[in-house]
Amino acid sequence: MAVAVRVIPCLDVDAGRVVKGVNFEGLRDAGDPVELAHRYDNGGADELTFLDVTASSGNRETTFDVVRRTAEEVFIPLTVGGGVRGVAEVDKLLRFGADKASINTAAVARPEVIDEITRHFGSQVLVLSVDARRTREGDAPTSSGFEVTTHGGRTGTGIDAIAWAKEAADRGVGEILLNSIDADGTKDGFDLELIRLVRGAVNIPIIASGGAGKPEHFPPAVEAGADAVLAASVFHFGPDDMIAQVKAAIREAGFEVR
């Protein structure tokens, strides 16, 4: 029996405010994270993802106070990422109310941290965030045509995104948050090729992210292999019942949804 698809709003937070841009640039204010979290909890979201989008690039810790205040307002699973470097940060996030931690930059720099975190807390608490983009002219070629980026999409690594997802799954990460840097904020739809390639390489849950602009964009991502769908702009700036609309679209496409 297929597992029901999860619909997850994402709160990209910078200096205590929710922000949203296009291709990770031109960030604009989208509201207070605690208020939005409460709204999405009431609106039928299955989980929430909270990403401190400048924590790694600014070399500072996740804003734990906002995490705590957000966790106090929601009664659905909360995943928090941004500036997570190892066991100590994960432990602190869990104590401040997070259910799962998301890691990106630190894992690329030292993949062994995945083993350390999952050995300490179990696979279920760790989400690997993969910010992938298509390789560009002048980039080092990758076998899949997609490379991993870090620091909020600002730094290319030359690492093949599909191979990295597989390595992380083999190391025991619980889920992969797969974000298309090219599609991010465009509202043109998910990068279905990217989702299919990662689905073909791993057996763990994939959360598709980047590009959703309307309810009709979500079912193709599920068809491509996503177990959950995550978005920001379409929820922040859309109608209050957007989560319900998205779930209805997924259900009408023949998929079970929570």
C-alpha atoms as a PDB file:
ATOM      1  CA  MET A   1       0.000   0.000   0.000  1.00  0.00           C
ATOM      2  CA  ALA A   2       1.399   3.382  -1.009  1.00  0.00           C
ATOM      3  CA  VAL A   3       2.236   5.868   1.724  1.00  0.00           C
ATOM      4  CA  ALA A   4       0.062   8.981   1.633  1.00  0.00           C
ATOM      5  CA  VAL A   5       1.671  12.051   0.081  1.00  0.00           C
ATOM      6  CA  ARG A   6       2.612  14.822   2.504  1.00  0.00           C
ATOM      7  CA  VAL A   7       2.123  18.525   1.737  1.00  0.00           C
ATOM      8  CA  ILE A   8       4.743  20.700   3.443  1.00  0.00           C
ATOM      9  CA  PRO A   9       4.932  24.510   3.531  1.00  0.00           C
ATOM     10  CA  CYS A  10       8.472  25.843   3.844  1.00  0.00           C
ATOM     11  CA  LEU A  11       9.413  28.826   5.965  1.00  0.00           C
ATOM     12  CA  ASP A  12      12.657  30.339   4.655  1.00  0.00           C
ATOM     13  CA  VAL A  13      13.792  32.559   7.501  1.00  0.00           C
ATOM     14  CA  ASP A  14      16.340  35.372   7.506  1.00  0.00           C
ATOM     15  CA  ALA A  15      16.898  37.492  10.626  1.00  0.00           C
ATOM     16  CA  GLY A  16      13.701  36.193  12.191  1.00  0.00           C
ATOM     17  CA  ARG A  17      11.409  36.896   9.214  1.00  0.00           C
ATOM     18  CA  VAL A  18      10.073  34.614   6.501  1.00  0.00           C
ATOM     19  CA  VAL A  19      11.503  35.600   3.110  1.00  0.00           C
ATOM     20  CA  LYS A  20      11.127  34.393  -0.445  1.00  0.00           C
ATOM     21  CA  GLY A  21      13.032  35.083  -3.651  1.00  0.00           C
ATOM     22  CA  VAL A  22      13.678  33.623  -7.086  1.00  0.00           C
ATOM     23  CA  ASN A  23      16.591  31.207  -7.594  1.00  0.00           C
ATOM     24  CA  PHE A  24      17.560  32.006  -3.981  1.00  0.00           C
ATOM     25  CA  GLU A  25      18.070  35.703  -4.805  1.00  0.00           C
ATOM     26  CA  GLY A  26      16.069  38.927  -4.427  1.00  0.00           C
ATOM     27  CA  LEU A  27      14.562  37.936  -1.095  1.00  0.00           C
ATOM     28  CA  ARG A  28      11.398  39.757  -0.008  1.00  0.00           C
ATOM     29  CA  ASP A  29       9.540  39.699   3.282  1.00  0.00           C
ATOM     30  CA  ALA A  30       6.719  37.153   3.540  1.00  0.00           C
ATOM     31  CA  GLY A  31       5.731  37.514   7.177  1.00  0.00           C
ATOM     32  CA  ASP A  32       6.296  36.367  10.735  1.00  0.00           C
ATOM     33  CA  PRO A  33       7.331  32.689  10.986  1.00  0.00           C
ATOM     34  CA  VAL A  34       5.264  31.987  14.092  1.00  0.00           C
ATOM     35  CA  GLU A  35       2.110  33.487  12.569  1.00  0.00           C
ATOM     36  CA  LEU A  36       2.600  31.600   9.313  1.00  0.00           C
ATOM     37  CA  ALA A  37       3.320  28.334  11.117  1.00  0.00           C
ATOM     38  CA  HIS A  38       0.094  28.669  13.073  1.00  0.00           C
ATOM     39  CA  ARG A  39      -1.832  29.442   9.872  1.00  0.00           C
ATOM     40  CA  TYR A  40      -0.441  26.400   8.067  1.00  0.00           C
ATOM     41  CA  ASP A  41      -1.068  24.102  11.007  1.00  0.00           C
ATOM     42  CA  ASN A  42      -4.706  25.195  11.013  1.00  0.00           C
ATOM     43  CA  GLY A  43      -4.835  25.002   7.209  1.00  0.00           C
ATOM     44  CA  GLY A  44      -4.095  21.290   7.011  1.00  0.00           C
ATOM     45  CA  ALA A  45      -0.331  21.114   6.440  1.00  0.00           C
ATOM     46  CA  ASP A  46       1.121  17.689   7.204  1.00  0.00           C
ATOM     47  CA  GLU A  47       4.512  19.032   8.279  1.00  0.00           C
ATOM     48  CA  LEU A  48       6.452  22.289   8.317  1.00  0.00           C
ATOM     49  CA  THR A  49      10.015  22.900   7.209  1.00  0.00           C
ATOM     50  CA  PHE A  50      11.901  25.840   8.695  1.00  0.00           C
ATOM     51  CA  LEU A  51      15.131  26.825   6.897  1.00  0.00           C
ATOM     52  CA  ASP A  52      17.437  29.554   8.154  1.00  0.00           C
ATOM     53  CA  VAL A  53      18.555  30.508   4.657  1.00  0.00           C
ATOM     54  CA  THR A  54      21.642  32.500   5.606  1.00  0.00           C
ATOM     55  CA  ALA A  55      22.895  30.457   8.573  1.00  0.00           C
ATOM     56  CA  SER A  56      25.612  28.608   6.637  1.00  0.00           C
ATOM     57  CA  SER A  57      26.693  31.481   4.431  1.00  0.00           C
ATOM     58  CA  GLY A  58      26.737  33.835   7.413  1.00  0.00           C
ATOM     59  CA  ASN A  59      28.598  31.289   9.533  1.00  0.00           C
ATOM     60  CA  ARG A  60      26.121  31.548  12.403  1.00  0.00           C
ATOM     61  CA  GLU A  61      23.790  29.241  14.243  1.00  0.00           C
ATOM     62  CA  THR A  62      20.138  28.702  13.453  1.00  0.00           C
ATOM     63  CA  THR A  63      17.939  31.190  15.260  1.00  0.00           C
ATOM     64  CA  PHE A  64      16.912  28.824  18.048  1.00  0.00           C
ATOM     65  CA  ASP A  65      14.509  31.269  19.664  1.00  0.00           C
ATOM     66  CA  VAL A  66      12.352  31.436  16.543  1.00  0.00           C
ATOM     67  CA  VAL A  67      12.465  27.645  16.350  1.00  0.00           C
ATOM     68  CA  ARG A  68      11.255  27.398  19.931  1.00  0.00           C
ATOM     69  CA  ARG A  69       8.436  29.904  19.407  1.00  0.00           C
ATOM     70  CA  THR A  70       7.392  28.177  16.189  1.00  0.00           C
ATOM     71  CA  ALA A  71       7.402  24.726  17.806  1.00  0.00           C
ATOM     72  CA  GLU A  72       5.158  26.027  20.561  1.00  0.00           C
ATOM     73  CA  GLU A  73       2.545  27.056  17.997  1.00  0.00           C
ATOM     74  CA  VAL A  74       2.373  23.959  15.804  1.00  0.00           C
ATOM     75  CA  PHE A  75       1.231  20.424  16.468  1.00  0.00           C
ATOM     76  CA  ILE A  76       2.606  18.812  13.320  1.00  0.00           C
ATOM     77  CA  PRO A  77       6.189  17.640  12.645  1.00  0.00           C
ATOM     78  CA  LEU A  78       8.716  20.455  12.309  1.00  0.00           C
ATOM     79  CA  THR A  79      11.952  20.051  10.370  1.00  0.00           C
ATOM     80  CA  VAL A  80      14.619  22.697  10.914  1.00  0.00           C
ATOM     81  CA  GLY A  81      17.747  23.353   8.861  1.00  0.00           C
ATOM     82  CA  GLY A  82      20.365  26.006   8.297  1.00  0.00           C
ATOM     83  CA  GLY A  83      23.690  26.056  10.089  1.00  0.00           C
ATOM     84  CA  VAL A  84      23.406  22.443  11.268  1.00  0.00           C
ATOM     85  CA  ARG A  85      26.978  21.177  11.527  1.00  0.00           C
ATOM     86  CA  GLY A  86      26.808  18.079  13.683  1.00  0.00           C
ATOM     87  CA  VAL A  87      25.397  16.175  16.632  1.00  0.00           C
ATOM     88  CA  ALA A  88      25.459  19.198  18.970  1.00  0.00           C
ATOM     89  CA  GLU A  89      23.229  21.359  16.748  1.00  0.00           C
ATOM     90  CA  VAL A  90      20.796  18.508  16.131  1.00  0.00           C
ATOM     91  CA  ASP A  91      20.565  17.834  19.855  1.00  0.00           C
ATOM     92  CA  LYS A  92      19.847  21.508  20.542  1.00  0.00           C
ATOM     93  CA  LEU A  93      17.216  21.719  17.796  1.00  0.00           C
ATOM     94  CA  LEU A  94      15.414  18.664  19.145  1.00  0.00           C
ATOM     95  CA  ARG A  95      15.456  20.142  22.651  1.00  0.00           C
ATOM     96  CA  PHE A  96      14.028  23.422  21.302  1.00  0.00           C
ATOM     97  CA  GLY A  97      11.092  21.562  19.731  1.00  0.00           C
ATOM     98  CA  ALA A  98      12.140  20.378  16.280  1.00  0.00           C
ATOM     99  CA  ASP A  99      11.198  16.833  15.233  1.00  0.00           C
ATOM    100  CA  LYS A 100      13.811  16.526  12.492  1.00  0.00           C
ATOM    101  CA  ALA A 101      16.955  18.357  11.431  1.00  0.00           C
ATOM    102  CA  SER A 102      18.003  19.171   7.885  1.00  0.00           C
ATOM    103  CA  ILE A 103      21.659  19.313   6.875  1.00  0.00           C
ATOM    104  CA  ASN A 104      23.313  20.450   3.637  1.00  0.00           C
ATOM    105  CA  THR A 105      26.594  22.375   3.611  1.00  0.00           C
ATOM    106  CA  ALA A 106      28.207  20.574   6.543  1.00  0.00           C
ATOM    107  CA  ALA A 107      27.430  17.162   5.056  1.00  0.00           C
ATOM    108  CA  VAL A 108      28.959  18.113   1.718  1.00  0.00           C
ATOM    109  CA  ALA A 109      32.097  19.288   3.507  1.00  0.00           C
ATOM    110  CA  ARG A 110      32.305  16.179   5.687  1.00  0.00           C
ATOM    111  CA  PRO A 111      29.957  13.330   4.694  1.00  0.00           C
ATOM    112  CA  GLU A 112      30.851  11.369   7.838  1.00  0.00           C
ATOM    113  CA  VAL A 113      28.661  13.746   9.829  1.00  0.00           C
ATOM    114  CA  ILE A 114      25.638  11.890   8.410  1.00  0.00           C
ATOM    115  CA  ASP A 115      26.892   8.666   9.997  1.00  0.00           C
ATOM    116  CA  GLU A 116      27.535  10.426  13.306  1.00  0.00           C
ATOM    117  CA  ILE A 117      24.087  12.033  13.512  1.00  0.00           C
ATOM    118  CA  THR A 118      22.126   8.967  12.436  1.00  0.00           C
ATOM    119  CA  ARG A 119      24.128   6.726  14.771  1.00  0.00           C
ATOM    120  CA  HIS A 120      23.343   9.077  17.664  1.00  0.00           C
ATOM    121  CA  PHE A 121      19.676   9.887  16.959  1.00  0.00           C
ATOM    122  CA  GLY A 122      18.520   7.421  14.283  1.00  0.00           C
ATOM    123  CA  SER A 123      17.840   7.942  10.597  1.00  0.00           C
ATOM    124  CA  GLN A 124      14.347   9.288  11.183  1.00  0.00           C
ATOM    125  CA  VAL A 125      15.609  12.606  12.562  1.00  0.00           C
ATOM    126  CA  LEU A 126      17.918  13.541   9.680  1.00  0.00           C
ATOM    127  CA  VAL A 127      16.913  15.066   6.356  1.00  0.00           C
ATOM    128  CA  LEU A 128      19.567  15.739   3.734  1.00  0.00           C
ATOM    129  CA  SER A 129      18.832  18.948   1.858  1.00  0.00           C
ATOM    130  CA  VAL A 130      20.174  18.728  -1.689  1.00  0.00           C
ATOM    131  CA  ASP A 131      20.201  22.093  -3.485  1.00  0.00           C
ATOM    132  CA  ALA A 132      20.779  20.923  -7.055  1.00  0.00           C
ATOM    133  CA  ARG A 133      21.193  22.898 -10.257  1.00  0.00           C
ATOM    134  CA  ARG A 134      21.841  21.973 -13.839  1.00  0.00           C
ATOM    135  CA  THR A 135      25.488  22.344 -14.733  1.00  0.00           C
ATOM    136  CA  ARG A 136      26.225  25.498 -16.679  1.00  0.00           C
ATOM    137  CA  GLU A 137      28.690  26.435 -19.372  1.00  0.00           C
ATOM    138  CA  GLY A 138      32.126  26.504 -17.796  1.00  0.00           C
ATOM    139  CA  ASP A 139      31.146  24.212 -14.909  1.00  0.00           C
ATOM    140  CA  ALA A 140      32.903  20.916 -14.382  1.00  0.00           C
ATOM    141  CA  PRO A 141      30.673  18.297 -16.037  1.00  0.00           C
ATOM    142  CA  THR A 142      28.760  15.783 -13.891  1.00  0.00           C
ATOM    143  CA  SER A 143      27.469  12.431 -15.078  1.00  0.00           C
ATOM    144  CA  SER A 144      23.824  13.367 -14.443  1.00  0.00           C
ATOM    145  CA  GLY A 145      24.024  16.988 -15.578  1.00  0.00           C
ATOM    146  CA  PHE A 146      23.093  18.196 -12.085  1.00  0.00           C
ATOM    147  CA  GLU A 147      25.508  19.457  -9.431  1.00  0.00           C
ATOM    148  CA  VAL A 148      25.188  20.028  -5.707  1.00  0.00           C
ATOM    149  CA  THR A 149      25.354  23.612  -4.446  1.00  0.00           C
ATOM    150  CA  THR A 150      25.865  24.897  -0.911  1.00  0.00           C
ATOM    151  CA  HIS A 151      25.463  28.132   1.065  1.00  0.00           C
ATOM    152  CA  GLY A 152      21.896  28.713  -0.079  1.00  0.00           C
ATOM    153  CA  GLY A 153      22.598  27.880  -3.708  1.00  0.00           C
ATOM    154  CA  ARG A 154      25.404  30.398  -3.996  1.00  0.00           C
ATOM    155  CA  THR A 155      28.364  28.004  -4.182  1.00  0.00           C
ATOM    156  CA  GLY A 156      28.799  25.267  -6.779  1.00  0.00           C
ATOM    157  CA  THR A 157      30.648  22.116  -5.721  1.00  0.00           C
ATOM    158  CA  GLY A 158      31.118  20.082  -8.900  1.00  0.00           C
ATOM    159  CA  ILE A 159      29.617  17.106  -7.019  1.00  0.00           C
ATOM    160  CA  ASP A 160      27.081  15.077  -8.985  1.00  0.00           C
ATOM    161  CA  ALA A 161      23.707  15.563  -7.295  1.00  0.00           C
ATOM    162  CA  ILE A 162      22.388  12.072  -8.008  1.00  0.00           C
ATOM    163  CA  ALA A 163      25.540  10.341  -6.792  1.00  0.00           C
ATOM    164  CA  TRP A 164      25.490  12.473  -3.641  1.00  0.00           C
ATOM    165  CA  ALA A 165      21.867  11.581  -2.912  1.00  0.00           C
ATOM    166  CA  LYS A 166      22.711   7.898  -3.248  1.00  0.00           C
ATOM    167  CA  GLU A 167      25.759   8.177  -0.987  1.00  0.00           C
ATOM    168  CA  ALA A 168      23.720   9.951   1.678  1.00  0.00           C
ATOM    169  CA  ALA A 169      21.000   7.294   1.500  1.00  0.00           C
ATOM    170  CA  ASP A 170      23.633   4.582   1.838  1.00  0.00           C
ATOM    171  CA  ARG A 171      25.021   6.396   4.887  1.00  0.00           C
ATOM    172  CA  GLY A 172      21.607   6.248   6.527  1.00  0.00           C
ATOM    173  CA  VAL A 173      19.949   9.626   6.050  1.00  0.00           C
ATOM    174  CA  GLY A 174      16.189   9.337   6.565  1.00  0.00           C
ATOM    175  CA  GLU A 175      14.853  11.577   3.795  1.00  0.00           C
ATOM    176  CA  ILE A 176      16.081  13.781   0.982  1.00  0.00           C
ATOM    177  CA  LEU A 177      14.766  17.308   0.551  1.00  0.00           C
ATOM    178  CA  LEU A 178      15.421  17.789  -3.140  1.00  0.00           C
ATOM    179  CA  ASN A 179      15.385  21.433  -4.126  1.00  0.00           C
ATOM    180  CA  SER A 180      15.862  22.636  -7.684  1.00  0.00           C
ATOM    181  CA  ILE A 181      17.833  25.878  -7.626  1.00  0.00           C
ATOM    182  CA  ASP A 182      16.863  26.502 -11.264  1.00  0.00           C
ATOM    183  CA  ALA A 183      13.146  26.203 -10.532  1.00  0.00           C
ATOM    184  CA  ASP A 184      13.163  27.845  -7.097  1.00  0.00           C
ATOM    185  CA  GLY A 185      10.648  30.675  -6.866  1.00  0.00           C
ATOM    186  CA  THR A 186       9.849  30.626 -10.604  1.00  0.00           C
ATOM    187  CA  LYS A 187       6.323  29.206 -10.122  1.00  0.00           C
ATOM    188  CA  ASP A 188       6.787  27.282 -13.388  1.00  0.00           C
ATOM    189  CA  GLY A 189       6.576  23.813 -11.861  1.00  0.00           C
ATOM    190  CA  PHE A 190       8.928  21.268 -10.311  1.00  0.00           C
ATOM    191  CA  ASP A 191      12.015  19.934 -12.103  1.00  0.00           C
ATOM    192  CA  LEU A 192      10.564  16.538 -12.941  1.00  0.00           C
ATOM    193  CA  GLU A 193      13.736  15.215 -14.555  1.00  0.00           C
ATOM    194  CA  LEU A 194      15.681  15.855 -11.359  1.00  0.00           C
ATOM    195  CA  ILE A 195      13.053  14.092  -9.254  1.00  0.00           C
ATOM    196  CA  ARG A 196      13.018  11.062 -11.563  1.00  0.00           C
ATOM    197  CA  LEU A 197      16.802  10.742 -11.518  1.00  0.00           C
ATOM    198  CA  VAL A 198      16.990  10.812  -7.721  1.00  0.00           C
ATOM    199  CA  ARG A 199      14.012   8.449  -7.417  1.00  0.00           C
ATOM    200  CA  GLY A 200      15.881   5.987  -9.596  1.00  0.00           C
ATOM    201  CA  ALA A 201      18.912   6.138  -7.311  1.00  0.00           C
ATOM    202  CA  VAL A 202      17.428   5.956  -3.787  1.00  0.00           C
ATOM    203  CA  ASN A 203      14.706   4.080  -1.918  1.00  0.00           C
ATOM    204  CA  ILE A 204      14.195   6.579   0.912  1.00  0.00           C
ATOM    205  CA  PRO A 205      11.498   9.284   0.863  1.00  0.00           C
ATOM    206  CA  ILE A 206      12.031  12.271  -1.437  1.00  0.00           C
ATOM    207  CA  ILE A 207      10.556  15.687  -0.663  1.00  0.00           C
ATOM    208  CA  ALA A 208      10.286  17.639  -3.925  1.00  0.00           C
ATOM    209  CA  SER A 209      10.924  21.376  -3.685  1.00  0.00           C
ATOM    210  CA  GLY A 210      11.335  24.322  -6.023  1.00  0.00           C
ATOM    211  CA  GLY A 211       9.042  25.754  -8.675  1.00  0.00           C
ATOM    212  CA  ALA A 212       5.470  25.179  -7.541  1.00  0.00           C
ATOM    213  CA  GLY A 213       3.150  27.965  -8.636  1.00  0.00           C
ATOM    214  CA  LYS A 214      -0.330  26.433  -8.676  1.00  0.00           C
ATOM    215  CA  PRO A 215      -2.090  23.264  -7.466  1.00  0.00           C
ATOM    216  CA  GLU A 216      -1.700  21.543 -10.844  1.00  0.00           C
ATOM    217  CA  HIS A 217       2.077  21.571 -10.466  1.00  0.00           C
ATOM    218  CA  PHE A 218       2.045  19.158  -7.517  1.00  0.00           C
ATOM    219  CA  PRO A 219       0.654  15.877  -8.970  1.00  0.00           C
ATOM    220  CA  PRO A 220       3.389  15.604 -11.662  1.00  0.00           C
ATOM    221  CA  ALA A 221       6.030  15.766  -8.918  1.00  0.00           C
ATOM    222  CA  VAL A 222       4.351  12.847  -7.160  1.00  0.00           C
ATOM    223  CA  GLU A 223       4.114  10.978 -10.459  1.00  0.00           C
ATOM    224  CA  ALA A 224       7.848  11.559 -10.951  1.00  0.00           C
ATOM    225  CA  GLY A 225       8.599   9.887  -7.635  1.00  0.00           C
ATOM    226  CA  ALA A 226       8.168  12.397  -4.810  1.00  0.00           C
ATOM    227  CA  ASP A 227       6.779  11.119  -1.520  1.00  0.00           C
ATOM    228  CA  ALA A 228       6.128  14.644  -0.273  1.00  0.00           C
ATOM    229  CA  VAL A 229       5.844  18.066  -1.900  1.00  0.00           C
ATOM    230  CA  LEU A 230       7.189  21.261  -0.398  1.00  0.00           C
ATOM    231  CA  ALA A 231       6.606  24.853  -1.429  1.00  0.00           C
ATOM    232  CA  ALA A 232       6.830  28.386  -0.120  1.00  0.00           C
ATOM    233  CA  SER A 233       5.588  31.164  -2.427  1.00  0.00           C
ATOM    234  CA  VAL A 234       2.411  29.392  -3.494  1.00  0.00           C
ATOM    235  CA  PHE A 235       1.397  29.122   0.165  1.00  0.00           C
ATOM    236  CA  HIS A 236       2.756  32.441   1.487  1.00  0.00           C
ATOM    237  CA  PHE A 237       1.198  34.596  -1.220  1.00  0.00           C
ATOM    238  CA  GLY A 238      -1.731  32.410  -2.274  1.00  0.00           C
ATOM    239  CA  PRO A 239      -5.256  32.067  -0.916  1.00  0.00           C
ATOM    240  CA  ASP A 240      -5.791  30.771   2.616  1.00  0.00           C
ATOM    241  CA  ASP A 241      -7.133  27.444   1.335  1.00  0.00           C
ATOM    242  CA  MET A 242      -4.156  26.717  -0.938  1.00  0.00           C
ATOM    243  CA  ILE A 243      -3.090  23.658   1.053  1.00  0.00           C
ATOM    244  CA  ALA A 244      -6.581  22.215   0.631  1.00  0.00           C
ATOM    245  CA  GLN A 245      -6.460  23.000  -3.105  1.00  0.00           C
ATOM    246  CA  VAL A 246      -3.111  21.252  -3.461  1.00  0.00           C
ATOM    247  CA  LYS A 247      -4.345  18.182  -1.609  1.00  0.00           C
ATOM    248  CA  ALA A 248      -7.451  18.083  -3.775  1.00  0.00           C
ATOM    249  CA  ALA A 249      -5.353  18.238  -6.957  1.00  0.00           C
ATOM    250  CA  ILE A 250      -3.133  15.376  -5.768  1.00  0.00           C
ATOM    251  CA  ARG A 251      -6.143  13.311  -4.761  1.00  0.00           C
ATOM    252  CA  GLU A 252      -7.913  13.941  -8.062  1.00  0.00           C
ATOM    253  CA  ALA A 253      -4.785  12.735  -9.869  1.00  0.00           C
ATOM    254  CA  GLY A 254      -5.234   9.363  -8.197  1.00  0.00           C
ATOM    255  CA  PHE A 255      -2.755   9.591  -5.335  1.00  0.00           C
ATOM    256  CA  GLU A 256      -3.490   9.091  -1.650  1.00  0.00           C
ATOM    257  CA  VAL A 257      -2.912  12.227   0.365  1.00  0.00           C
ATOM    258  CA  ARG A 258      -3.042  12.835   4.112  1.00  0.00           C
END
